[in-house]
C-alpha atoms as a PDB file:
ATOM      1  CA  MET A   1     -23.683  29.898 117.103  1.00  0.00           C
ATOM      2  CA  CYS A   2     -24.032  27.367 119.903  1.00  0.00           C
ATOM      3  CA  LYS A   3     -20.661  26.564 121.526  1.00  0.00           C
ATOM      4  CA  ALA A   4     -22.113  23.564 123.355  1.00  0.00           C
ATOM      5  CA  CYS A   5     -23.643  22.101 120.196  1.00  0.00           C
ATOM      6  CA  ASP A   6     -22.154  19.214 118.291  1.00  0.00           C
ATOM      7  CA  TYR A   7     -23.550  20.400 114.934  1.00  0.00           C
ATOM      8  CA  THR A   8     -25.293  23.358 113.277  1.00  0.00           C
ATOM      9  CA  ILE A   9     -27.828  22.879 110.465  1.00  0.00           C
ATOM     10  CA  HIS A  10     -28.269  25.966 108.304  1.00  0.00           C
ATOM     11  CA  GLY A  11     -31.657  27.148 107.100  1.00  0.00           C
ATOM     12  CA  ARG A  12     -30.836  26.405 103.473  1.00  0.00           C
ATOM     13  CA  ASN A  13     -31.188  22.714 104.418  1.00  0.00           C
ATOM     14  CA  HIS A  14     -34.986  22.710 104.499  1.00  0.00           C
ATOM     15  CA  HIS A  15     -37.824  20.839 102.821  1.00  0.00           C
ATOM     16  CA  PHE A  16     -41.571  21.334 102.337  1.00  0.00           C
ATOM     17  CA  GLY A  17     -43.068  17.882 102.814  1.00  0.00           C
ATOM     18  CA  TRP A  18     -42.578  14.765 104.945  1.00  0.00           C
ATOM     19  CA  ASP A  19     -41.077  11.970 102.862  1.00  0.00           C
ATOM     20  CA  ARG A  20     -39.200   8.872 104.009  1.00  0.00           C
ATOM     21  CA  ALA A  21     -37.163   9.183 100.780  1.00  0.00           C
ATOM     22  CA  ASN A  22     -35.726  12.602 101.722  1.00  0.00           C
ATOM     23  CA  ALA A  23     -31.956  12.339 101.941  1.00  0.00           C
ATOM     24  CA  PRO A  24     -30.643  13.234 105.415  1.00  0.00           C
ATOM     25  CA  VAL A  25     -28.532  16.384 105.650  1.00  0.00           C
ATOM     26  CA  LEU A  26     -26.689  14.872 108.616  1.00  0.00           C
ATOM     27  CA  THR A  27     -26.355  11.496 110.358  1.00  0.00           C
ATOM     28  CA  ILE A  28     -25.689  11.529 114.108  1.00  0.00           C
ATOM     29  CA  GLU A  29     -25.200   9.185 117.022  1.00  0.00           C
ATOM     30  CA  PRO A  30     -27.933   9.382 119.715  1.00  0.00           C
ATOM     31  CA  GLY A  31     -27.344  12.014 122.387  1.00  0.00           C
ATOM     32  CA  LYS A  32     -25.960  14.750 120.143  1.00  0.00           C
ATOM     33  CA  THR A  33     -26.983  18.407 120.477  1.00  0.00           C
ATOM     34  CA  ILE A  34     -27.774  20.351 117.322  1.00  0.00           C
ATOM     35  CA  GLU A  35     -28.581  23.981 116.549  1.00  0.00           C
ATOM     36  CA  PHE A  36     -31.169  24.309 113.770  1.00  0.00           C
ATOM     37  CA  GLU A  37     -31.602  27.511 111.770  1.00  0.00           C
ATOM     38  CA  CYS A  38     -35.369  27.686 111.205  1.00  0.00           C
ATOM     39  CA  LEU A  39     -37.241  29.813 108.717  1.00  0.00           C
ATOM     40  CA  ASP A  40     -40.624  31.310 109.549  1.00  0.00           C
ATOM     41  CA  SER A  41     -43.762  29.628 108.218  1.00  0.00           C
ATOM     42  CA  SER A  42     -43.796  31.866 105.126  1.00  0.00           C
ATOM     43  CA  GLY A  43     -40.344  30.620 104.198  1.00  0.00           C
ATOM     44  CA  GLY A  44     -39.014  34.180 104.273  1.00  0.00           C
ATOM     45  CA  GLN A  45     -41.708  35.549 101.976  1.00  0.00           C
ATOM     46  CA  LEU A  46     -42.870  37.980 104.675  1.00  0.00           C
ATOM     47  CA  THR A  47     -40.277  40.402 106.074  1.00  0.00           C
ATOM     48  CA  PRO A  48     -40.185  43.493 108.331  1.00  0.00           C
ATOM     49  CA  SER A  49     -40.920  45.620 105.257  1.00  0.00           C
ATOM     50  CA  SER A  50     -43.852  43.547 103.967  1.00  0.00           C
ATOM     51  CA  LYS A  51     -47.179  45.166 103.107  1.00  0.00           C
ATOM     52  CA  LEU A  52     -50.726  43.821 103.134  1.00  0.00           C
ATOM     53  CA  ASP A  53     -50.560  42.853  99.450  1.00  0.00           C
ATOM     54  CA  ASP A  54     -47.617  40.557 100.162  1.00  0.00           C
ATOM     55  CA  VAL A  55     -49.948  38.225 102.087  1.00  0.00           C
ATOM     56  CA  SER A  56     -52.146  37.850  98.997  1.00  0.00           C
ATOM     57  CA  ARG A  57     -49.067  37.002  96.930  1.00  0.00           C
ATOM     58  CA  LEU A  58     -47.819  34.205  99.192  1.00  0.00           C
ATOM     59  CA  ASP A  59     -46.658  31.107  97.328  1.00  0.00           C
ATOM     60  CA  PHE A  60     -48.296  28.308  99.318  1.00  0.00           C
ATOM     61  CA  ALA A  61     -45.897  25.761  97.845  1.00  0.00           C
ATOM     62  CA  ARG A  62     -43.262  27.442 100.041  1.00  0.00           C
ATOM     63  CA  ILE A  63     -45.271  27.450 103.267  1.00  0.00           C
ATOM     64  CA  ASN A  64     -44.054  25.741 106.482  1.00  0.00           C
ATOM     65  CA  PRO A  65     -40.480  24.775 105.562  1.00  0.00           C
ATOM     66  CA  VAL A  66     -38.743  22.523 108.087  1.00  0.00           C
ATOM     67  CA  THR A  67     -34.993  22.246 108.598  1.00  0.00           C
ATOM     68  CA  GLY A  68     -33.528  18.759 108.202  1.00  0.00           C
ATOM     69  CA  PRO A  69     -33.928  15.842 108.027  1.00  0.00           C
ATOM     70  CA  ILE A  70     -31.481  14.376 110.551  1.00  0.00           C
ATOM     71  CA  ARG A  71     -30.826  10.630 110.563  1.00  0.00           C
ATOM     72  CA  VAL A  72     -30.246   9.126 114.013  1.00  0.00           C
ATOM     73  CA  GLU A  73     -28.105   5.983 114.043  1.00  0.00           C
ATOM     74  CA  GLY A  74     -29.847   2.976 115.543  1.00  0.00           C
ATOM     75  CA  ALA A  75     -33.366   4.427 115.310  1.00  0.00           C
ATOM     76  CA  ARG A  76     -35.881   1.751 114.307  1.00  0.00           C
ATOM     77  CA  PRO A  77     -39.670   1.535 113.967  1.00  0.00           C
ATOM     78  CA  GLY A  78     -41.166   1.054 117.422  1.00  0.00           C
ATOM     79  CA  ASP A  79     -38.535   3.211 119.102  1.00  0.00           C
ATOM     80  CA  ALA A  80     -39.183   6.770 120.258  1.00  0.00           C
ATOM     81  CA  LEU A  81     -37.076   9.802 119.459  1.00  0.00           C
ATOM     82  CA  LYS A  82     -36.427  11.728 122.664  1.00  0.00           C
ATOM     83  CA  VAL A  83     -36.170  15.434 121.805  1.00  0.00           C
ATOM     84  CA  THR A  84     -34.881  17.651 124.603  1.00  0.00           C
ATOM     85  CA  ILE A  85     -35.657  21.271 123.777  1.00  0.00           C
ATOM     86  CA  GLU A  86     -32.624  23.132 125.080  1.00  0.00           C
ATOM     87  CA  ALA A  87     -33.035  26.721 123.891  1.00  0.00           C
ATOM     88  CA  PHE A  88     -34.417  29.179 121.362  1.00  0.00           C
ATOM     89  CA  LYS A  89     -32.564  32.086 119.782  1.00  0.00           C
ATOM     90  CA  PRO A  90     -35.264  34.445 118.463  1.00  0.00           C
ATOM     91  CA  SER A  91     -34.744  36.926 115.636  1.00  0.00           C
ATOM     92  CA  GLY A  92     -36.756  39.885 116.976  1.00  0.00           C
ATOM     93  CA  PHE A  93     -39.129  39.920 113.983  1.00  0.00           C
ATOM     94  CA  GLY A  94     -42.507  38.281 113.593  1.00  0.00           C
ATOM     95  CA  TRP A  95     -45.805  38.491 111.759  1.00  0.00           C
ATOM     96  CA  THR A  96     -49.425  37.474 112.215  1.00  0.00           C
ATOM     97  CA  ALA A  97     -51.911  37.356 109.343  1.00  0.00           C
ATOM     98  CA  ASN A  98     -55.495  36.617 108.589  1.00  0.00           C
ATOM     99  CA  ILE A  99     -55.397  34.565 105.392  1.00  0.00           C
ATOM    100  CA  PRO A 100     -58.770  34.277 103.616  1.00  0.00           C
ATOM    101  CA  GLY A 101     -60.138  30.727 103.724  1.00  0.00           C
ATOM    102  CA  PHE A 102     -57.934  29.735 106.662  1.00  0.00           C
ATOM    103  CA  GLY A 103     -58.724  29.766 110.387  1.00  0.00           C
ATOM    104  CA  LEU A 104     -61.503  28.833 112.776  1.00  0.00           C
ATOM    105  CA  LEU A 105     -63.707  31.779 111.768  1.00  0.00           C
ATOM    106  CA  ALA A 106     -62.765  31.912 108.090  1.00  0.00           C
ATOM    107  CA  ASP A 107     -66.407  32.402 107.096  1.00  0.00           C
ATOM    108  CA  GLN A 108     -66.589  35.554 109.240  1.00  0.00           C
ATOM    109  CA  PHE A 109     -63.208  37.090 108.359  1.00  0.00           C
ATOM    110  CA  LYS A 110     -62.780  37.022 104.590  1.00  0.00           C
ATOM    111  CA  GLU A 111     -60.370  39.933 104.143  1.00  0.00           C
ATOM    112  CA  THR A 112     -56.585  39.790 104.334  1.00  0.00           C
ATOM    113  CA  ALA A 113     -54.965  41.362 107.396  1.00  0.00           C
ATOM    114  CA  LEU A 114     -51.337  41.621 108.508  1.00  0.00           C
ATOM    115  CA  GLN A 115     -49.653  42.568 111.775  1.00  0.00           C
ATOM    116  CA  LEU A 116     -45.860  42.969 111.865  1.00  0.00           C
ATOM    117  CA  TRP A 117     -44.129  42.543 115.238  1.00  0.00           C
ATOM    118  CA  SER A 118     -40.778  43.818 116.484  1.00  0.00           C
ATOM    119  CA  TYR A 119     -39.610  42.456 119.840  1.00  0.00           C
ATOM    120  CA  ASP A 120     -36.450  42.413 121.943  1.00  0.00           C
ATOM    121  CA  ARG A 121     -34.781  39.112 121.115  1.00  0.00           C
ATOM    122  CA  ASP A 122     -32.553  39.264 124.206  1.00  0.00           C
ATOM    123  CA  THR A 123     -35.042  40.170 126.964  1.00  0.00           C
ATOM    124  CA  LEU A 124     -38.192  38.797 125.267  1.00  0.00           C
ATOM    125  CA  SER A 125     -40.146  41.590 126.927  1.00  0.00           C
ATOM    126  CA  PRO A 126     -43.840  41.700 125.926  1.00  0.00           C
ATOM    127  CA  ALA A 127     -44.291  42.587 122.261  1.00  0.00           C
ATOM    128  CA  ALA A 128     -46.387  45.701 121.700  1.00  0.00           C
ATOM    129  CA  TRP A 129     -49.385  45.786 119.381  1.00  0.00           C
ATOM    130  CA  SER A 130     -50.079  49.501 119.742  1.00  0.00           C
ATOM    131  CA  PRO A 131     -52.259  50.955 120.941  1.00  0.00           C
ATOM    132  CA  TRP A 132     -54.246  47.971 122.182  1.00  0.00           C
ATOM    133  CA  ALA A 133     -52.045  45.227 123.533  1.00  0.00           C
ATOM    134  CA  LYS A 134     -48.702  43.897 124.747  1.00  0.00           C
ATOM    135  CA  VAL A 135     -48.223  40.148 124.378  1.00  0.00           C
ATOM    136  CA  PRO A 136     -45.918  38.148 126.692  1.00  0.00           C
ATOM    137  CA  LEU A 137     -43.648  35.931 124.621  1.00  0.00           C
ATOM    138  CA  LYS A 138     -42.953  32.207 124.831  1.00  0.00           C
ATOM    139  CA  PRO A 139     -40.903  30.885 121.876  1.00  0.00           C
ATOM    140  CA  PHE A 140     -41.517  27.373 120.592  1.00  0.00           C
ATOM    141  CA  ALA A 141     -41.382  25.278 117.432  1.00  0.00           C
ATOM    142  CA  GLY A 142     -44.782  24.740 115.833  1.00  0.00           C
ATOM    143  CA  THR A 143     -43.619  21.936 113.543  1.00  0.00           C
ATOM    144  CA  ILE A 144     -41.431  19.174 114.939  1.00  0.00           C
ATOM    145  CA  GLY A 145     -41.488  15.553 113.831  1.00  0.00           C
ATOM    146  CA  VAL A 146     -40.087  12.550 112.034  1.00  0.00           C
ATOM    147  CA  ALA A 147     -40.832  10.911 108.688  1.00  0.00           C
ATOM    148  CA  PRO A 148     -43.977   8.764 108.307  1.00  0.00           C
ATOM    149  CA  SER A 149     -43.668   5.217 106.977  1.00  0.00           C
ATOM    150  CA  ALA A 150     -46.233   5.715 104.186  1.00  0.00           C
ATOM    151  CA  PRO A 151     -44.418   6.269 100.870  1.00  0.00           C
ATOM    152  CA  GLY A 152     -44.529   9.544  98.977  1.00  0.00           C
ATOM    153  CA  THR A 153     -44.547  13.193  99.973  1.00  0.00           C
ATOM    154  CA  HIS A 154     -47.020  14.261 102.660  1.00  0.00           C
ATOM    155  CA  SER A 155     -48.057  17.845 103.419  1.00  0.00           C
ATOM    156  CA  VAL A 156     -46.435  19.568 106.377  1.00  0.00           C
ATOM    157  CA  VAL A 157     -49.690  21.386 107.212  1.00  0.00           C
ATOM    158  CA  PRO A 158     -51.666  18.732 109.180  1.00  0.00           C
ATOM    159  CA  PRO A 159     -50.262  17.136 112.354  1.00  0.00           C
ATOM    160  CA  ARG A 160     -49.628  13.399 112.318  1.00  0.00           C
ATOM    161  CA  ARG A 161     -48.955  10.423 114.577  1.00  0.00           C
ATOM    162  CA  VAL A 162     -45.238  11.097 114.106  1.00  0.00           C
ATOM    163  CA  GLY A 163     -45.551  14.765 115.051  1.00  0.00           C
ATOM    164  CA  GLY A 164     -45.324  17.467 112.431  1.00  0.00           C
ATOM    165  CA  ASN A 165     -47.381  20.652 112.662  1.00  0.00           C
ATOM    166  CA  LEU A 166     -48.445  20.109 116.274  1.00  0.00           C
ATOM    167  CA  ASP A 167     -48.598  23.836 117.172  1.00  0.00           C
ATOM    168  CA  ILE A 168     -48.378  23.030 120.890  1.00  0.00           C
ATOM    169  CA  ARG A 169     -47.139  26.206 122.569  1.00  0.00           C
ATOM    170  CA  ASP A 170     -45.759  24.270 125.553  1.00  0.00           C
ATOM    171  CA  LEU A 171     -43.073  22.655 123.386  1.00  0.00           C
ATOM    172  CA  ALA A 172     -40.853  25.418 124.748  1.00  0.00           C
ATOM    173  CA  ALA A 173     -37.375  25.467 126.258  1.00  0.00           C
ATOM    174  CA  GLY A 174     -36.990  22.811 128.941  1.00  0.00           C
ATOM    175  CA  THR A 175     -39.658  20.494 127.567  1.00  0.00           C
ATOM    176  CA  THR A 176     -38.852  16.913 126.542  1.00  0.00           C
ATOM    177  CA  LEU A 177     -40.825  15.516 123.601  1.00  0.00           C
ATOM    178  CA  TYR A 178     -41.118  11.844 122.641  1.00  0.00           C
ATOM    179  CA  LEU A 179     -42.002  11.002 119.015  1.00  0.00           C
ATOM    180  CA  PRO A 180     -43.024   7.580 117.636  1.00  0.00           C
ATOM    181  CA  ILE A 181     -40.506   6.394 115.018  1.00  0.00           C
ATOM    182  CA  GLU A 182     -41.842   4.707 111.875  1.00  0.00           C
ATOM    183  CA  VAL A 183     -38.734   4.555 109.634  1.00  0.00           C
ATOM    184  CA  ASP A 184     -35.108   3.562 110.112  1.00  0.00           C
ATOM    185  CA  GLY A 185     -33.078   6.596 111.182  1.00  0.00           C
ATOM    186  CA  ALA A 186     -36.188   8.562 112.255  1.00  0.00           C
ATOM    187  CA  LEU A 187     -35.447  11.430 109.786  1.00  0.00           C
ATOM    188  CA  PHE A 188     -36.147  14.332 112.155  1.00  0.00           C
ATOM    189  CA  SER A 189     -36.966  17.908 111.068  1.00  0.00           C
ATOM    190  CA  VAL A 190     -38.096  21.092 112.827  1.00  0.00           C
ATOM    191  CA  GLY A 191     -39.440  24.525 111.846  1.00  0.00           C
ATOM    192  CA  ASP A 192     -42.446  26.881 111.938  1.00  0.00           C
ATOM    193  CA  THR A 193     -41.009  28.725 114.930  1.00  0.00           C
ATOM    194  CA  HIS A 194     -43.258  31.097 116.901  1.00  0.00           C
ATOM    195  CA  ALA A 195     -42.549  33.885 119.387  1.00  0.00           C
ATOM    196  CA  ALA A 196     -46.001  33.408 120.955  1.00  0.00           C
ATOM    197  CA  GLN A 197     -49.240  31.532 120.329  1.00  0.00           C
ATOM    198  CA  GLY A 198     -52.475  30.745 122.114  1.00  0.00           C
ATOM    199  CA  ASP A 199     -53.746  27.185 122.423  1.00  0.00           C
ATOM    200  CA  GLY A 200     -55.780  26.645 119.281  1.00  0.00           C
ATOM    201  CA  GLU A 201     -53.991  29.212 117.038  1.00  0.00           C
ATOM    202  CA  VAL A 202     -57.523  30.223 116.096  1.00  0.00           C
ATOM    203  CA  CYS A 203     -56.891  32.544 113.136  1.00  0.00           C
ATOM    204  CA  GLY A 204     -54.364  30.098 111.660  1.00  0.00           C
ATOM    205  CA  THR A 205     -51.209  32.061 112.464  1.00  0.00           C
ATOM    206  CA  ALA A 206     -49.290  32.913 115.632  1.00  0.00           C
ATOM    207  CA  ILE A 207     -46.415  35.380 115.975  1.00  0.00           C
ATOM    208  CA  GLU A 208     -44.581  33.633 113.144  1.00  0.00           C
ATOM    209  CA  SER A 209     -40.896  34.288 113.681  1.00  0.00           C
ATOM    210  CA  PRO A 210     -37.647  32.906 112.260  1.00  0.00           C
ATOM    211  CA  MET A 211     -35.276  31.709 114.982  1.00  0.00           C
ATOM    212  CA  ASN A 212     -32.658  29.140 115.851  1.00  0.00           C
ATOM    213  CA  VAL A 213     -33.552  26.092 117.943  1.00  0.00           C
ATOM    214  CA  VAL A 214     -31.133  24.016 120.042  1.00  0.00           C
ATOM    215  CA  LEU A 215     -32.204  20.380 120.518  1.00  0.00           C
ATOM    216  CA  THR A 216     -30.683  17.170 121.858  1.00  0.00           C
ATOM    217  CA  LEU A 217     -31.783  14.011 120.028  1.00  0.00           C
ATOM    218  CA  ASP A 218     -31.709  10.652 121.776  1.00  0.00           C
ATOM    219  CA  LEU A 219     -33.444   7.264 121.532  1.00  0.00           C
ATOM    220  CA  VAL A 220     -35.786   5.289 123.747  1.00  0.00           C
ATOM    221  CA  LYS A 221     -35.711   1.745 122.431  1.00  0.00           C
ATOM    222  CA  ASP A 222     -38.962  -0.227 122.040  1.00  0.00           C
ATOM    223  CA  ALA A 223     -41.108   2.606 123.431  1.00  0.00           C
ATOM    224  CA  ASN A 224     -44.041   1.681 121.140  1.00  0.00           C
ATOM    225  CA  LEU A 225     -45.784   5.035 121.497  1.00  0.00           C
ATOM    226  CA  ALA A 226     -49.203   5.452 119.903  1.00  0.00           C
ATOM    227  CA  PHE A 227     -48.808   9.247 119.617  1.00  0.00           C
ATOM    228  CA  PRO A 228     -46.354  11.954 120.724  1.00  0.00           C
ATOM    229  CA  ARG A 229     -46.107  12.806 124.415  1.00  0.00           C
ATOM    230  CA  PHE A 230     -44.106  15.413 126.310  1.00  0.00           C
ATOM    231  CA  THR A 231     -42.990  16.507 129.773  1.00  0.00           C
ATOM    232  CA  THR A 232     -42.773  20.174 130.821  1.00  0.00           C
ATOM    233  CA  PRO A 233     -40.236  21.468 133.359  1.00  0.00           C
ATOM    234  CA  GLY A 234     -42.781  23.443 135.386  1.00  0.00           C
ATOM    235  CA  PRO A 235     -45.919  25.621 135.105  1.00  0.00           C
ATOM    236  CA  VAL A 236     -46.933  26.355 131.542  1.00  0.00           C
ATOM    237  CA  THR A 237     -49.046  29.545 131.704  1.00  0.00           C
ATOM    238  CA  ARG A 238     -47.251  31.645 134.301  1.00  0.00           C
ATOM    239  CA  HIS A 239     -46.210  34.196 131.658  1.00  0.00           C
ATOM    240  CA  LEU A 240     -49.917  34.995 131.102  1.00  0.00           C
ATOM    241  CA  ASP A 241     -51.540  34.349 134.495  1.00  0.00           C
ATOM    242  CA  ALA A 242     -50.681  37.483 136.461  1.00  0.00           C
ATOM    243  CA  ALA A 243     -53.860  39.515 135.867  1.00  0.00           C
ATOM    244  CA  GLY A 244     -56.380  36.717 135.382  1.00  0.00           C
ATOM    245  CA  TYR A 245     -58.535  35.990 132.344  1.00  0.00           C
ATOM    246  CA  GLU A 246     -61.647  36.995 130.496  1.00  0.00           C
ATOM    247  CA  VAL A 247     -63.485  33.795 129.491  1.00  0.00           C
ATOM    248  CA  THR A 248     -66.243  33.150 126.957  1.00  0.00           C
ATOM    249  CA  THR A 249     -67.949  29.807 126.318  1.00  0.00           C
ATOM    250  CA  GLY A 250     -69.655  27.817 123.591  1.00  0.00           C
ATOM    251  CA  ILE A 251     -72.161  25.124 124.597  1.00  0.00           C
ATOM    252  CA  GLY A 252     -73.776  22.464 122.403  1.00  0.00           C
ATOM    253  CA  THR A 253     -73.503  19.042 120.856  1.00  0.00           C
ATOM    254  CA  ASP A 254     -70.536  19.836 118.567  1.00  0.00           C
ATOM    255  CA  LEU A 255     -67.099  20.692 120.018  1.00  0.00           C
ATOM    256  CA  PHE A 256     -65.984  22.437 116.828  1.00  0.00           C
ATOM    257  CA  GLU A 257     -69.043  24.677 116.754  1.00  0.00           C
ATOM    258  CA  GLY A 258     -68.630  25.288 120.477  1.00  0.00           C
ATOM    259  CA  ALA A 259     -65.069  26.443 119.849  1.00  0.00           C
ATOM    260  CA  ARG A 260     -66.249  28.777 117.091  1.00  0.00           C
ATOM    261  CA  ALA A 261     -68.908  30.274 119.353  1.00  0.00           C
ATOM    262  CA  ALA A 262     -66.469  30.822 122.228  1.00  0.00           C
ATOM    263  CA  VAL A 263     -63.925  32.564 119.972  1.00  0.00           C
ATOM    264  CA  ALA A 264     -66.530  34.686 118.187  1.00  0.00           C
ATOM    265  CA  GLN A 265     -67.825  35.967 121.512  1.00  0.00           C
ATOM    266  CA  MET A 266     -64.299  36.817 122.641  1.00  0.00           C
ATOM    267  CA  VAL A 267     -63.679  38.749 119.422  1.00  0.00           C
ATOM    268  CA  ASP A 268     -66.834  40.765 120.114  1.00  0.00           C
ATOM    269  CA  LEU A 269     -65.803  41.350 123.740  1.00  0.00           C
ATOM    270  CA  LEU A 270     -62.290  42.544 122.835  1.00  0.00           C
ATOM    271  CA  SER A 271     -63.566  44.799 120.040  1.00  0.00           C
ATOM    272  CA  THR A 272     -66.173  46.396 122.276  1.00  0.00           C
ATOM    273  CA  ARG A 273     -63.836  46.885 125.215  1.00  0.00           C
ATOM    274  CA  THR A 274     -60.797  48.242 123.361  1.00  0.00           C
ATOM    275  CA  GLY A 275     -62.183  49.690 120.140  1.00  0.00           C
ATOM    276  CA  MET A 276     -59.877  47.566 117.991  1.00  0.00           C
ATOM    277  CA  PRO A 277     -61.223  46.274 114.663  1.00  0.00           C
ATOM    278  CA  ALA A 278     -62.745  42.792 114.882  1.00  0.00           C
ATOM    279  CA  VAL A 279     -60.092  41.235 112.631  1.00  0.00           C
ATOM    280  CA  ASP A 280     -57.352  42.586 114.923  1.00  0.00           C
ATOM    281  CA  ALA A 281     -59.142  41.100 117.935  1.00  0.00           C
ATOM    282  CA  TYR A 282     -59.308  37.777 116.055  1.00  0.00           C
ATOM    283  CA  MET A 283     -55.567  37.792 115.322  1.00  0.00           C
ATOM    284  CA  LEU A 284     -54.743  38.878 118.878  1.00  0.00           C
ATOM    285  CA  ALA A 285     -56.840  36.007 120.244  1.00  0.00           C
ATOM    286  CA  SER A 286     -54.828  33.648 118.064  1.00  0.00           C
ATOM    287  CA  VAL A 287     -51.465  34.681 119.508  1.00  0.00           C
ATOM    288  CA  CYS A 288     -52.341  34.663 123.221  1.00  0.00           C
ATOM    289  CA  GLY A 289     -55.809  33.196 123.985  1.00  0.00           C
ATOM    290  CA  ASP A 290     -56.465  29.565 124.879  1.00  0.00           C
ATOM    291  CA  LEU A 291     -59.237  27.206 123.787  1.00  0.00           C
ATOM    292  CA  ARG A 292     -60.067  24.597 126.434  1.00  0.00           C
ATOM    293  CA  ILE A 293     -62.516  21.729 126.621  1.00  0.00           C
ATOM    294  CA  SER A 294     -64.191  22.419 129.952  1.00  0.00           C
ATOM    295  CA  GLU A 295     -66.750  19.594 129.918  1.00  0.00           C
ATOM    296  CA  ILE A 296     -67.253  16.573 127.665  1.00  0.00           C
ATOM    297  CA  VAL A 297     -69.198  14.066 129.782  1.00  0.00           C
ATOM    298  CA  ASP A 298     -72.605  15.640 130.432  1.00  0.00           C
ATOM    299  CA  GLN A 299     -74.460  14.459 127.342  1.00  0.00           C
ATOM    300  CA  PRO A 300     -75.708  15.727 125.016  1.00  0.00           C
ATOM    301  CA  ASN A 301     -73.992  19.124 125.426  1.00  0.00           C
ATOM    302  CA  TRP A 302     -70.300  19.912 125.791  1.00  0.00           C
ATOM    303  CA  VAL A 303     -68.626  23.126 126.992  1.00  0.00           C
ATOM    304  CA  VAL A 304     -65.712  24.828 125.231  1.00  0.00           C
ATOM    305  CA  SER A 305     -64.140  27.873 126.914  1.00  0.00           C
ATOM    306  CA  PHE A 306     -61.877  30.550 125.488  1.00  0.00           C
ATOM    307  CA  TYR A 307     -59.464  32.120 127.981  1.00  0.00           C
ATOM    308  CA  PHE A 308     -58.022  35.533 127.111  1.00  0.00           C
ATOM    309  CA  PRO A 309     -55.272  36.837 129.459  1.00  0.00           C
ATOM    310  CA  ARG A 310     -56.154  40.256 130.848  1.00  0.00           C
ATOM    311  CA  ILE A 311     -52.460  41.164 131.204  1.00  0.00           C
ATOM    312  CA  VAL A 312     -52.362  41.662 127.425  1.00  0.00           C
ATOM    313  CA  ILE A 313     -54.780  44.614 127.381  1.00  0.00           C
ATOM    314  CA  GLU A 314     -54.390  46.114 130.869  1.00  0.00           C
END
């Protein structure tokens, strides 16, 4: 465990929905450092020995558990919770799946698929997807947020003004995140840890991986943030940049359809070039390729680009 941490929160202290009525598992003074034991997004339902049929048997009531909540003394609506992401302690195991009905191209990929990953948790050397690819790793927490003010239980799946399932891969070690607070105490939770993900998480899953997260929680009084914001400690794509990118585009009046077109073309390109099945190319794109809005001012058509790092397949 973390010797520099003030507290450790074990994975058994998790919940499956945002709710301002959730009882805190710990109350802290601002400025404390905590190690969180985070489950993967399946809540432990998928393991290194899982088979394809296990994806079909997933209990979606147990999806995306988050560890917490933590009450921060003095936190009030209008303040911001300052979350300094100190470190990740990966497990060495991960999974990626195509889940029917979920993902950007769900209408094109209707069959279940599963990829199990084993990686070096100490060196974080690129994780092999034999025989086609090796993916550089960048651990982060996909779900990180505080309780909303609206009463009742709210799904963890969609992102919200107060954070939640943001799936921003640059919320990595060294980044500082600021979250709008809507309830007294903030009620902070974190989970859905990933070993790697592309911007967009296009198939709906990344390299989903249980791991511990070390965070420092502090307050910025009267910040009055409209939405979350964050600061990175340096370049954000250096782990993928070395060999350049293959890029496909989608152009039209609808950004969502443009994104679908760009990803579909990349799936075709990867399948043709490597010989991998299309569904594998789709999942691989999800864990390391990036969707970008390249142009949104030249009416009536917008440009969406999909960047796939060549280092993965060279």
